[in-house]
Structure formats: structure tokens, C-alpha cells
Amino acid sequence: MNIQIYASKKNPDVLKAERFFKERRIPFQTVDLKKHRPGERELQLFAKAAGSAAALVDRTGMKALERPVAHMSTESLILDELLNDPLALVSPIVRNGSAVTIGVNEAVWAAWINAAQKA
């Protein structure tokens, strides 16, 4: 297992994800989106997992709604904007290889752990 937690800020959902893996003694890496921008292929992987690029955009709070990407609907424009402004991504995005979850999804994370233990 190679768990990566992509986050732009410490919010309750990011803390839940970190706590979930810490409690199970699963090593993980936190990727700070302020320092490390995801590449185009990563964003496409995230968008596929979310169902659309629009689902990746953080639209909570006034500050998030001030960003132009919060009002876009075209997939390619959203991905281009997220490449330039990764802080507009919803967080956490949790990645295990090519498997990705958007937000808190403990059932999927537990399935990853069970699959890794059986292997």
C-alpha cells in the first residue's frame, strides 16, 4: 500500500483521513497542495474517480466561491484551472496507487487495507 493524502488545508475531513490510517498503523504521505501541484495525469485520475472534474472543485465557503473555477462547467477548462490553482481542489483526496477517493470514504479505505493484508 502506498497511501497519499492530498490536502490544501487541515480541515476536519483531512484530519479524519489521517486519523483513520494512523489508528490502523498504515503509513501514509500527506501531499501539501500549496507546495506540490498535481500533474495533468493525476488530475485526470482524480476526475475519473470523482465522476467529473466539476466534482473536484471545492465550492464550500465564500473564499472558494470567489475562484473562477467554482463557476465553470466545461471539463477541460476546469482541469486547466485546477492545474494552475490546486488549492481549489476539494480535500482530502486519498490515493492508493491508481485507486482514488474524494473526501472521507472509510469503507473503501478499509477494503484497501483488507486487500493488502490478504495479498
N, C-alpha and C. Protein backbone atom coordinates (compact mmCIF):
# COMPACT_ATOMS: atom_id res chain seq x y z
N MET A 1 0.84 -1.19 0.00
CA MET A 1 0.00 0.00 0.00
C MET A 1 0.88 1.24 0.00
N ASN A 2 0.48 2.17 -0.80
CA ASN A 2 1.18 3.44 -0.88
C ASN A 2 0.13 4.55 -0.80
N ILE A 3 -0.24 4.93 0.42
CA ILE A 3 -1.32 5.89 0.64
C ILE A 3 -0.77 7.30 0.57
N GLN A 4 -1.44 8.13 -0.22
CA GLN A 4 -1.13 9.55 -0.28
C GLN A 4 -2.41 10.32 -0.01
N ILE A 5 -2.31 11.32 0.86
CA ILE A 5 -3.45 12.18 1.18
C ILE A 5 -3.14 13.57 0.65
N TYR A 6 -3.88 13.99 -0.36
CA TYR A 6 -3.71 15.31 -0.96
C TYR A 6 -4.62 16.28 -0.23
N ALA A 7 -4.03 17.36 0.29
CA ALA A 7 -4.82 18.33 1.04
C ALA A 7 -4.23 19.72 0.87
N SER A 8 -5.11 20.71 0.85
CA SER A 8 -4.67 22.10 0.74
C SER A 8 -4.65 22.77 2.10
N LYS A 9 -5.47 22.26 3.02
CA LYS A 9 -5.50 22.82 4.36
C LYS A 9 -5.99 21.74 5.31
N LYS A 10 -5.69 21.93 6.57
CA LYS A 10 -6.16 20.97 7.57
C LYS A 10 -7.61 21.28 7.88
N ASN A 11 -8.50 20.46 7.38
CA ASN A 11 -9.91 20.60 7.71
C ASN A 11 -10.35 19.31 8.42
N PRO A 12 -11.53 19.25 8.97
CA PRO A 12 -11.95 18.06 9.71
C PRO A 12 -11.89 16.77 8.89
N ASP A 13 -12.19 16.84 7.60
CA ASP A 13 -12.14 15.64 6.77
C ASP A 13 -10.70 15.15 6.56
N VAL A 14 -9.77 16.08 6.41
CA VAL A 14 -8.35 15.70 6.28
C VAL A 14 -7.89 15.04 7.57
N LEU A 15 -8.27 15.61 8.69
CA LEU A 15 -7.88 15.04 9.98
C LEU A 15 -8.49 13.65 10.17
N LYS A 16 -9.74 13.44 9.70
CA LYS A 16 -10.37 12.12 9.78
C LYS A 16 -9.57 11.09 8.97
N ALA A 17 -9.16 11.48 7.77
CA ALA A 17 -8.40 10.57 6.92
C ALA A 17 -7.07 10.21 7.57
N GLU A 18 -6.36 11.21 8.07
CA GLU A 18 -5.08 10.95 8.72
C GLU A 18 -5.27 10.06 9.94
N ARG A 19 -6.27 10.35 10.75
CA ARG A 19 -6.53 9.56 11.95
C ARG A 19 -6.88 8.12 11.59
N PHE A 20 -7.68 7.92 10.53
CA PHE A 20 -8.07 6.58 10.10
C PHE A 20 -6.83 5.72 9.85
N PHE A 21 -5.88 6.25 9.10
CA PHE A 21 -4.69 5.47 8.77
C PHE A 21 -3.72 5.35 9.95
N LYS A 22 -3.61 6.39 10.75
CA LYS A 22 -2.75 6.32 11.94
C LYS A 22 -3.24 5.25 12.91
N GLU A 23 -4.55 5.21 13.16
CA GLU A 23 -5.12 4.24 14.10
C GLU A 23 -4.88 2.81 13.65
N ARG A 24 -4.75 2.59 12.36
CA ARG A 24 -4.53 1.25 11.82
C ARG A 24 -3.06 0.99 11.50
N ARG A 25 -2.22 1.93 11.90
CA ARG A 25 -0.76 1.85 11.70
C ARG A 25 -0.40 1.64 10.22
N ILE A 26 -1.12 2.33 9.36
CA ILE A 26 -0.86 2.29 7.92
C ILE A 26 -0.07 3.54 7.57
N PRO A 27 1.16 3.38 7.08
CA PRO A 27 1.93 4.57 6.72
C PRO A 27 1.28 5.31 5.56
N PHE A 28 1.34 6.62 5.61
CA PHE A 28 0.79 7.44 4.54
C PHE A 28 1.66 8.68 4.37
N GLN A 29 1.51 9.29 3.24
CA GLN A 29 2.23 10.53 2.93
C GLN A 29 1.19 11.62 2.70
N THR A 30 1.36 12.74 3.37
CA THR A 30 0.48 13.88 3.13
C THR A 30 1.13 14.77 2.09
N VAL A 31 0.40 15.05 1.03
CA VAL A 31 0.90 15.89 -0.05
C VAL A 31 0.23 17.25 0.10
N ASP A 32 1.04 18.25 0.43
CA ASP A 32 0.55 19.61 0.62
C ASP A 32 0.40 20.27 -0.75
N LEU A 33 -0.83 20.56 -1.13
CA LEU A 33 -1.09 21.12 -2.46
C LEU A 33 -0.54 22.54 -2.60
N LYS A 34 -0.21 23.18 -1.49
CA LYS A 34 0.42 24.51 -1.57
C LYS A 34 1.84 24.40 -2.11
N LYS A 35 2.49 23.26 -1.85
CA LYS A 35 3.89 23.07 -2.25
C LYS A 35 4.04 22.18 -3.48
N HIS A 36 3.17 21.18 -3.62
CA HIS A 36 3.31 20.20 -4.69
C HIS A 36 2.03 20.16 -5.52
N ARG A 37 2.10 20.71 -6.71
CA ARG A 37 0.93 20.72 -7.59
C ARG A 37 0.79 19.36 -8.27
N PRO A 38 -0.42 18.84 -8.32
CA PRO A 38 -0.62 17.59 -9.07
C PRO A 38 -0.47 17.84 -10.56
N GLY A 39 0.02 16.84 -11.27
CA GLY A 39 0.19 16.94 -12.72
C GLY A 39 -1.12 16.69 -13.45
N GLU A 40 -1.05 16.83 -14.75
CA GLU A 40 -2.25 16.68 -15.59
C GLU A 40 -2.82 15.26 -15.48
N ARG A 41 -1.94 14.25 -15.52
CA ARG A 41 -2.42 12.86 -15.44
C ARG A 41 -3.05 12.57 -14.07
N GLU A 42 -2.45 13.13 -13.01
CA GLU A 42 -3.03 12.95 -11.67
C GLU A 42 -4.42 13.56 -11.60
N LEU A 43 -4.56 14.77 -12.12
CA LEU A 43 -5.88 15.43 -12.10
C LEU A 43 -6.91 14.63 -12.91
N GLN A 44 -6.49 14.06 -14.02
CA GLN A 44 -7.41 13.25 -14.81
C GLN A 44 -7.82 11.99 -14.04
N LEU A 45 -6.88 11.40 -13.30
CA LEU A 45 -7.19 10.24 -12.46
C LEU A 45 -8.18 10.63 -11.36
N PHE A 46 -7.95 11.79 -10.74
CA PHE A 46 -8.86 12.28 -9.70
C PHE A 46 -10.25 12.53 -10.27
N ALA A 47 -10.30 13.15 -11.45
CA ALA A 47 -11.59 13.47 -12.08
C ALA A 47 -12.36 12.19 -12.42
N LYS A 48 -11.64 11.18 -12.88
CA LYS A 48 -12.29 9.90 -13.21
C LYS A 48 -12.88 9.28 -11.94
N ALA A 49 -12.13 9.34 -10.84
CA ALA A 49 -12.61 8.78 -9.57
C ALA A 49 -13.81 9.57 -9.04
N ALA A 50 -13.81 10.88 -9.25
CA ALA A 50 -14.89 11.74 -8.75
C ALA A 50 -16.13 11.68 -9.65
N GLY A 51 -15.96 11.20 -10.87
CA GLY A 51 -17.08 11.16 -11.80
C GLY A 51 -17.06 12.31 -12.78
N SER A 52 -16.42 13.41 -12.40
CA SER A 52 -16.27 14.56 -13.29
C SER A 52 -15.26 15.52 -12.67
N ALA A 53 -14.71 16.38 -13.49
CA ALA A 53 -13.77 17.38 -12.98
C ALA A 53 -14.49 18.36 -12.07
N ALA A 54 -15.75 18.63 -12.36
CA ALA A 54 -16.52 19.58 -11.54
C ALA A 54 -16.64 19.10 -10.10
N ALA A 55 -16.66 17.78 -9.89
CA ALA A 55 -16.77 17.24 -8.53
C ALA A 55 -15.50 17.43 -7.72
N LEU A 56 -14.40 17.78 -8.38
CA LEU A 56 -13.13 18.03 -7.69
C LEU A 56 -13.03 19.43 -7.10
N VAL A 57 -13.90 20.31 -7.54
CA VAL A 57 -13.80 21.72 -7.16
C VAL A 57 -14.44 21.96 -5.79
N ASP A 58 -13.67 22.57 -4.91
CA ASP A 58 -14.17 22.94 -3.58
C ASP A 58 -15.09 24.14 -3.74
N ARG A 59 -16.35 23.97 -3.40
CA ARG A 59 -17.33 25.05 -3.51
C ARG A 59 -17.89 25.44 -2.15
N THR A 60 -17.19 25.09 -1.08
CA THR A 60 -17.67 25.41 0.26
C THR A 60 -17.00 26.69 0.75
N GLY A 61 -17.77 27.60 1.24
CA GLY A 61 -17.24 28.84 1.78
C GLY A 61 -17.14 29.95 0.76
N MET A 62 -17.16 31.16 1.25
CA MET A 62 -17.11 32.33 0.37
C MET A 62 -15.79 32.42 -0.39
N LYS A 63 -14.68 32.10 0.27
CA LYS A 63 -13.39 32.20 -0.39
C LYS A 63 -13.31 31.25 -1.59
N ALA A 64 -13.85 30.05 -1.45
CA ALA A 64 -13.85 29.09 -2.55
C ALA A 64 -14.70 29.58 -3.70
N LEU A 65 -15.82 30.21 -3.39
CA LEU A 65 -16.72 30.68 -4.45
C LEU A 65 -16.18 31.90 -5.19
N GLU A 66 -15.16 32.55 -4.64
CA GLU A 66 -14.53 33.67 -5.34
C GLU A 66 -13.65 33.22 -6.49
N ARG A 67 -13.26 31.96 -6.48
CA ARG A 67 -12.40 31.44 -7.54
C ARG A 67 -13.22 31.22 -8.82
N PRO A 68 -12.66 31.58 -9.97
CA PRO A 68 -13.39 31.39 -11.23
C PRO A 68 -13.78 29.94 -11.50
N VAL A 69 -12.93 28.99 -11.09
CA VAL A 69 -13.19 27.58 -11.37
C VAL A 69 -14.47 27.10 -10.70
N ALA A 70 -14.90 27.74 -9.64
CA ALA A 70 -16.12 27.34 -8.94
C ALA A 70 -17.37 27.58 -9.79
N HIS A 71 -17.22 28.35 -10.86
CA HIS A 71 -18.38 28.68 -11.70
C HIS A 71 -18.25 28.13 -13.13
N MET A 72 -17.26 27.26 -13.35
CA MET A 72 -17.06 26.67 -14.67
C MET A 72 -17.78 25.34 -14.78
N SER A 73 -18.13 24.96 -16.01
CA SER A 73 -18.79 23.68 -16.20
C SER A 73 -18.11 22.81 -17.26
N THR A 74 -17.21 23.36 -18.04
CA THR A 74 -16.53 22.60 -19.08
C THR A 74 -15.35 21.85 -18.48
N GLU A 75 -15.33 20.52 -18.69
CA GLU A 75 -14.31 19.66 -18.07
C GLU A 75 -12.88 20.14 -18.35
N SER A 76 -12.56 20.40 -19.61
CA SER A 76 -11.19 20.78 -19.95
C SER A 76 -10.80 22.11 -19.30
N LEU A 77 -11.72 23.05 -19.23
CA LEU A 77 -11.43 24.34 -18.60
C LEU A 77 -11.21 24.16 -17.09
N ILE A 78 -12.01 23.31 -16.48
CA ILE A 78 -11.86 23.06 -15.04
C ILE A 78 -10.50 22.44 -14.76
N LEU A 79 -10.12 21.42 -15.55
CA LEU A 79 -8.83 20.77 -15.34
C LEU A 79 -7.68 21.74 -15.54
N ASP A 80 -7.76 22.59 -16.57
CA ASP A 80 -6.73 23.60 -16.80
C ASP A 80 -6.62 24.56 -15.62
N GLU A 81 -7.75 24.97 -15.11
CA GLU A 81 -7.76 25.91 -13.98
C GLU A 81 -7.22 25.24 -12.72
N LEU A 82 -7.55 23.97 -12.51
CA LEU A 82 -7.05 23.25 -11.33
C LEU A 82 -5.54 23.01 -11.42
N LEU A 83 -5.02 22.88 -12.63
CA LEU A 83 -3.56 22.78 -12.78
C LEU A 83 -2.89 24.05 -12.28
N ASN A 84 -3.51 25.19 -12.56
CA ASN A 84 -2.95 26.48 -12.15
C ASN A 84 -3.27 26.82 -10.70
N ASP A 85 -4.38 26.31 -10.19
CA ASP A 85 -4.83 26.65 -8.84
C ASP A 85 -5.26 25.38 -8.09
N PRO A 86 -4.29 24.55 -7.66
CA PRO A 86 -4.64 23.29 -7.00
C PRO A 86 -5.31 23.49 -5.63
N LEU A 87 -5.24 24.68 -5.09
CA LEU A 87 -5.88 24.94 -3.80
C LEU A 87 -7.40 24.96 -3.93
N ALA A 88 -7.90 24.96 -5.16
CA ALA A 88 -9.35 24.92 -5.39
C ALA A 88 -9.88 23.49 -5.34
N LEU A 89 -8.99 22.50 -5.19
CA LEU A 89 -9.42 21.11 -5.10
C LEU A 89 -10.10 20.84 -3.76
N VAL A 90 -11.13 20.01 -3.79
CA VAL A 90 -11.75 19.55 -2.55
C VAL A 90 -10.72 18.67 -1.83
N SER A 91 -10.75 18.66 -0.52
CA SER A 91 -9.80 17.79 0.18
C SER A 91 -10.49 17.11 1.35
N PRO A 92 -10.07 15.90 1.66
CA PRO A 92 -8.88 15.23 1.13
C PRO A 92 -9.19 14.41 -0.12
N ILE A 93 -8.15 14.23 -0.91
CA ILE A 93 -8.16 13.26 -1.99
C ILE A 93 -7.18 12.19 -1.53
N VAL A 94 -7.65 10.97 -1.39
CA VAL A 94 -6.80 9.88 -0.88
C VAL A 94 -6.53 8.93 -2.03
N ARG A 95 -5.24 8.65 -2.22
CA ARG A 95 -4.82 7.82 -3.35
C ARG A 95 -4.06 6.60 -2.85
N ASN A 96 -4.39 5.46 -3.44
CA ASN A 96 -3.68 4.21 -3.19
C ASN A 96 -3.36 3.64 -4.56
N GLY A 97 -2.19 3.97 -5.10
CA GLY A 97 -1.84 3.56 -6.46
C GLY A 97 -2.75 4.26 -7.44
N SER A 98 -3.52 3.49 -8.22
CA SER A 98 -4.43 4.11 -9.18
C SER A 98 -5.84 4.23 -8.63
N ALA A 99 -6.06 3.75 -7.39
CA ALA A 99 -7.37 3.89 -6.75
C ALA A 99 -7.42 5.21 -6.00
N VAL A 100 -8.53 5.92 -6.13
CA VAL A 100 -8.66 7.26 -5.54
C VAL A 100 -10.03 7.41 -4.90
N THR A 101 -10.05 8.08 -3.74
CA THR A 101 -11.32 8.50 -3.16
C THR A 101 -11.30 10.01 -2.99
N ILE A 102 -12.46 10.60 -3.13
CA ILE A 102 -12.62 12.04 -2.95
C ILE A 102 -13.41 12.22 -1.66
N GLY A 103 -12.83 12.94 -0.70
CA GLY A 103 -13.49 13.10 0.59
C GLY A 103 -13.27 11.89 1.48
N VAL A 104 -14.02 11.82 2.56
CA VAL A 104 -13.89 10.72 3.52
C VAL A 104 -14.69 9.52 3.01
N ASN A 105 -14.01 8.39 2.89
CA ASN A 105 -14.66 7.16 2.45
C ASN A 105 -14.01 5.98 3.16
N GLU A 106 -14.33 5.83 4.43
CA GLU A 106 -13.68 4.82 5.26
C GLU A 106 -13.95 3.40 4.79
N ALA A 107 -15.09 3.14 4.18
CA ALA A 107 -15.39 1.79 3.68
C ALA A 107 -14.41 1.37 2.60
N VAL A 108 -14.11 2.27 1.69
CA VAL A 108 -13.15 1.97 0.62
C VAL A 108 -11.76 1.81 1.21
N TRP A 109 -11.37 2.69 2.13
CA TRP A 109 -10.05 2.60 2.74
C TRP A 109 -9.88 1.27 3.47
N ALA A 110 -10.92 0.83 4.18
CA ALA A 110 -10.87 -0.44 4.89
C ALA A 110 -10.73 -1.59 3.89
N ALA A 111 -11.40 -1.49 2.75
CA ALA A 111 -11.28 -2.52 1.71
C ALA A 111 -9.85 -2.56 1.17
N TRP A 112 -9.21 -1.40 1.00
CA TRP A 112 -7.81 -1.37 0.56
C TRP A 112 -6.93 -2.11 1.56
N ILE A 113 -7.14 -1.86 2.84
CA ILE A 113 -6.33 -2.47 3.89
C ILE A 113 -6.56 -3.99 3.90
N ASN A 114 -7.82 -4.41 3.82
CA ASN A 114 -8.14 -5.85 3.80
C ASN A 114 -7.51 -6.53 2.61
N ALA A 115 -7.56 -5.91 1.45
CA ALA A 115 -6.98 -6.49 0.24
C ALA A 115 -5.45 -6.61 0.38
N ALA A 116 -4.83 -5.61 0.99
CA ALA A 116 -3.38 -5.62 1.18
C ALA A 116 -2.96 -6.71 2.18
N GLN A 117 -3.78 -6.93 3.20
CA GLN A 117 -3.46 -7.94 4.19
C GLN A 117 -3.63 -9.36 3.64
N LYS A 118 -4.54 -9.54 2.69
CA LYS A 118 -4.76 -10.85 2.10
C LYS A 118 -3.70 -11.19 1.08
N ALA A 119 -3.07 -10.17 0.51
CA ALA A 119 -2.07 -10.39 -0.54
C ALA A 119 -0.77 -10.90 0.01
